[in-house]
Amino acid sequence: MEKLIKEHPEIDAVLSANDSMSLGAIEALKEANRTATVMSINGILPAVKKVETGEILATVNFNMFKIGCMATRAAVRQIKNETLPEKVMLPAEIIDKTNYQAWLTPVEKRACPEWGDLVK
């Protein structure tokens, strides 16, 4: 990112493949005394805190906790010979200034979603 913003002064937005990259981009922008709109993917707590402060416009929740919960529930259903769908699609959720508070809860305090809430 340091090299990109030096070579391209017109950069005014960053879309990162993950939150860690966005956090690094924010640091590079600060060091270069530059600003840009930053968006990301993952929804990790440090990035959500940057959404809270406005340093990241938005991140998309790629919720490994929820994926792990649902995979475990599917495994238990398989062991019990219960019906499983061919695939389970978890909705992506955009985290921005309007809803970031829900993602400030530490993972260890979150509840696993119920099977019926996500599998229709």
Protein backbone atom coordinates (compact mmCIF):
# COMPACT_ATOMS: atom_id res chain seq x y z
CA MET A 1 0.00 0.00 0.00
CA GLU A 2 2.88 2.35 0.79
CA LYS A 3 4.22 1.90 -2.73
CA LEU A 4 0.80 2.27 -4.35
CA ILE A 5 -0.04 5.55 -2.64
CA LYS A 6 3.38 6.96 -3.50
CA GLU A 7 3.03 6.00 -7.17
CA HIS A 8 -0.67 6.90 -7.50
CA PRO A 9 -1.62 10.12 -5.71
CA GLU A 10 -5.12 9.89 -7.21
CA ILE A 11 -6.03 6.86 -5.01
CA ASP A 12 -8.96 7.92 -2.87
CA ALA A 13 -10.50 4.53 -2.04
CA VAL A 14 -9.29 1.09 -1.01
CA LEU A 15 -11.21 -2.18 -1.25
CA SER A 16 -9.25 -4.87 0.53
CA ALA A 17 -9.65 -8.63 0.23
CA ASN A 18 -9.68 -8.89 4.02
CA ASP A 19 -9.76 -6.76 7.16
CA SER A 20 -6.09 -7.28 7.97
CA MET A 21 -5.19 -5.72 4.63
CA SER A 22 -7.49 -2.78 5.38
CA LEU A 23 -5.86 -2.25 8.75
CA GLY A 24 -2.48 -2.17 7.02
CA ALA A 25 -3.78 0.21 4.38
CA ILE A 26 -5.04 2.57 7.09
CA GLU A 27 -1.58 2.57 8.69
CA ALA A 28 0.10 3.27 5.34
CA LEU A 29 -2.34 6.10 4.62
CA LYS A 30 -1.70 7.64 8.04
CA GLU A 31 2.08 7.44 7.59
CA ALA A 32 1.73 9.16 4.21
CA ASN A 33 -0.60 11.78 5.69
CA ARG A 34 -3.29 10.68 3.24
CA THR A 35 -6.93 9.76 3.55
CA ALA A 36 -9.08 7.40 1.52
CA THR A 37 -12.36 5.58 1.82
CA VAL A 38 -11.53 2.06 3.03
CA MET A 39 -13.79 -0.99 2.67
CA SER A 40 -13.08 -4.58 3.53
CA ILE A 41 -14.23 -8.16 4.09
CA ASN A 42 -14.24 -10.33 7.24
CA GLY A 43 -15.86 -8.39 10.06
CA ILE A 44 -13.06 -9.00 12.57
CA LEU A 45 -13.28 -7.01 15.80
CA PRO A 46 -10.37 -4.61 15.10
CA ALA A 47 -11.96 -3.68 11.76
CA VAL A 48 -15.41 -3.26 13.31
CA LYS A 49 -13.83 -0.85 15.79
CA LYS A 50 -12.46 1.10 12.79
CA VAL A 51 -16.00 1.17 11.35
CA GLU A 52 -17.10 2.63 14.68
CA THR A 53 -14.50 5.42 14.41
CA GLY A 54 -15.16 6.00 10.71
CA GLU A 55 -11.71 4.89 9.55
CA ILE A 56 -13.32 2.02 7.62
CA LEU A 57 -16.54 2.75 5.75
CA ALA A 58 -17.77 -0.84 5.87
CA THR A 59 -16.72 -4.44 6.09
CA VAL A 60 -18.62 -7.54 5.05
CA ASN A 61 -19.11 -10.16 7.70
CA PHE A 62 -17.48 -13.46 6.73
CA ASN A 63 -18.47 -15.08 9.98
CA MET A 64 -16.24 -18.08 10.68
CA PHE A 65 -17.91 -18.44 14.07
CA LYS A 66 -21.33 -18.85 12.44
CA ILE A 67 -19.87 -21.14 9.77
CA GLY A 68 -18.27 -23.31 12.48
CA CYS A 69 -21.54 -23.45 14.43
CA MET A 70 -23.53 -24.50 11.40
CA ALA A 71 -20.91 -27.06 10.31
CA THR A 72 -21.01 -28.61 13.78
CA ARG A 73 -24.82 -28.68 13.74
CA ALA A 74 -24.72 -30.32 10.29
CA ALA A 75 -22.23 -32.94 11.53
CA VAL A 76 -24.48 -33.79 14.49
CA ARG A 77 -27.47 -34.07 12.14
CA GLN A 78 -25.45 -36.40 9.88
CA ILE A 79 -24.47 -38.61 12.83
CA LYS A 80 -28.16 -38.79 13.83
CA ASN A 81 -29.13 -39.64 10.22
CA GLU A 82 -31.26 -36.50 10.04
CA THR A 83 -32.01 -34.76 6.78
CA LEU A 84 -29.41 -32.35 5.45
CA PRO A 85 -29.81 -29.94 2.57
CA GLU A 86 -27.42 -30.22 -0.36
CA LYS A 87 -25.87 -26.91 0.69
CA VAL A 88 -26.30 -24.25 3.36
CA MET A 89 -25.86 -20.62 2.33
CA LEU A 90 -25.11 -18.14 5.08
CA PRO A 91 -26.03 -14.58 4.13
CA ALA A 92 -23.28 -12.00 3.91
CA GLU A 93 -23.95 -9.03 6.12
CA ILE A 94 -22.59 -5.54 5.52
CA ILE A 95 -21.26 -3.96 8.71
CA ASP A 96 -21.35 -0.18 8.69
CA LYS A 97 -22.14 2.78 10.95
CA THR A 98 -25.81 1.75 11.12
CA ASN A 99 -25.28 -1.69 12.65
CA TYR A 100 -21.66 -2.20 13.80
CA GLN A 101 -22.64 -2.50 17.49
CA ALA A 102 -23.86 -6.08 17.04
CA TRP A 103 -20.35 -7.14 15.98
CA LEU A 104 -18.65 -5.60 19.03
CA THR A 105 -19.72 -8.60 21.14
CA PRO A 106 -16.68 -10.83 21.73
CA VAL A 107 -16.94 -14.16 19.90
CA GLU A 108 -16.88 -16.14 23.16
CA LYS A 109 -20.08 -14.34 24.23
CA ARG A 110 -21.98 -14.93 20.98
CA ALA A 111 -24.62 -17.63 20.67
CA CYS A 112 -24.58 -20.18 17.88
CA PRO A 113 -27.47 -19.65 15.50
CA GLU A 114 -30.20 -22.25 15.51
CA TRP A 115 -30.36 -24.59 12.53
CA GLY A 116 -33.92 -23.56 11.66
CA ASP A 117 -33.00 -19.87 11.70
CA LEU A 118 -30.54 -20.28 8.83
CA VAL A 119 -31.68 -23.40 6.98
CA LYS A 120 -35.10 -23.13 5.41
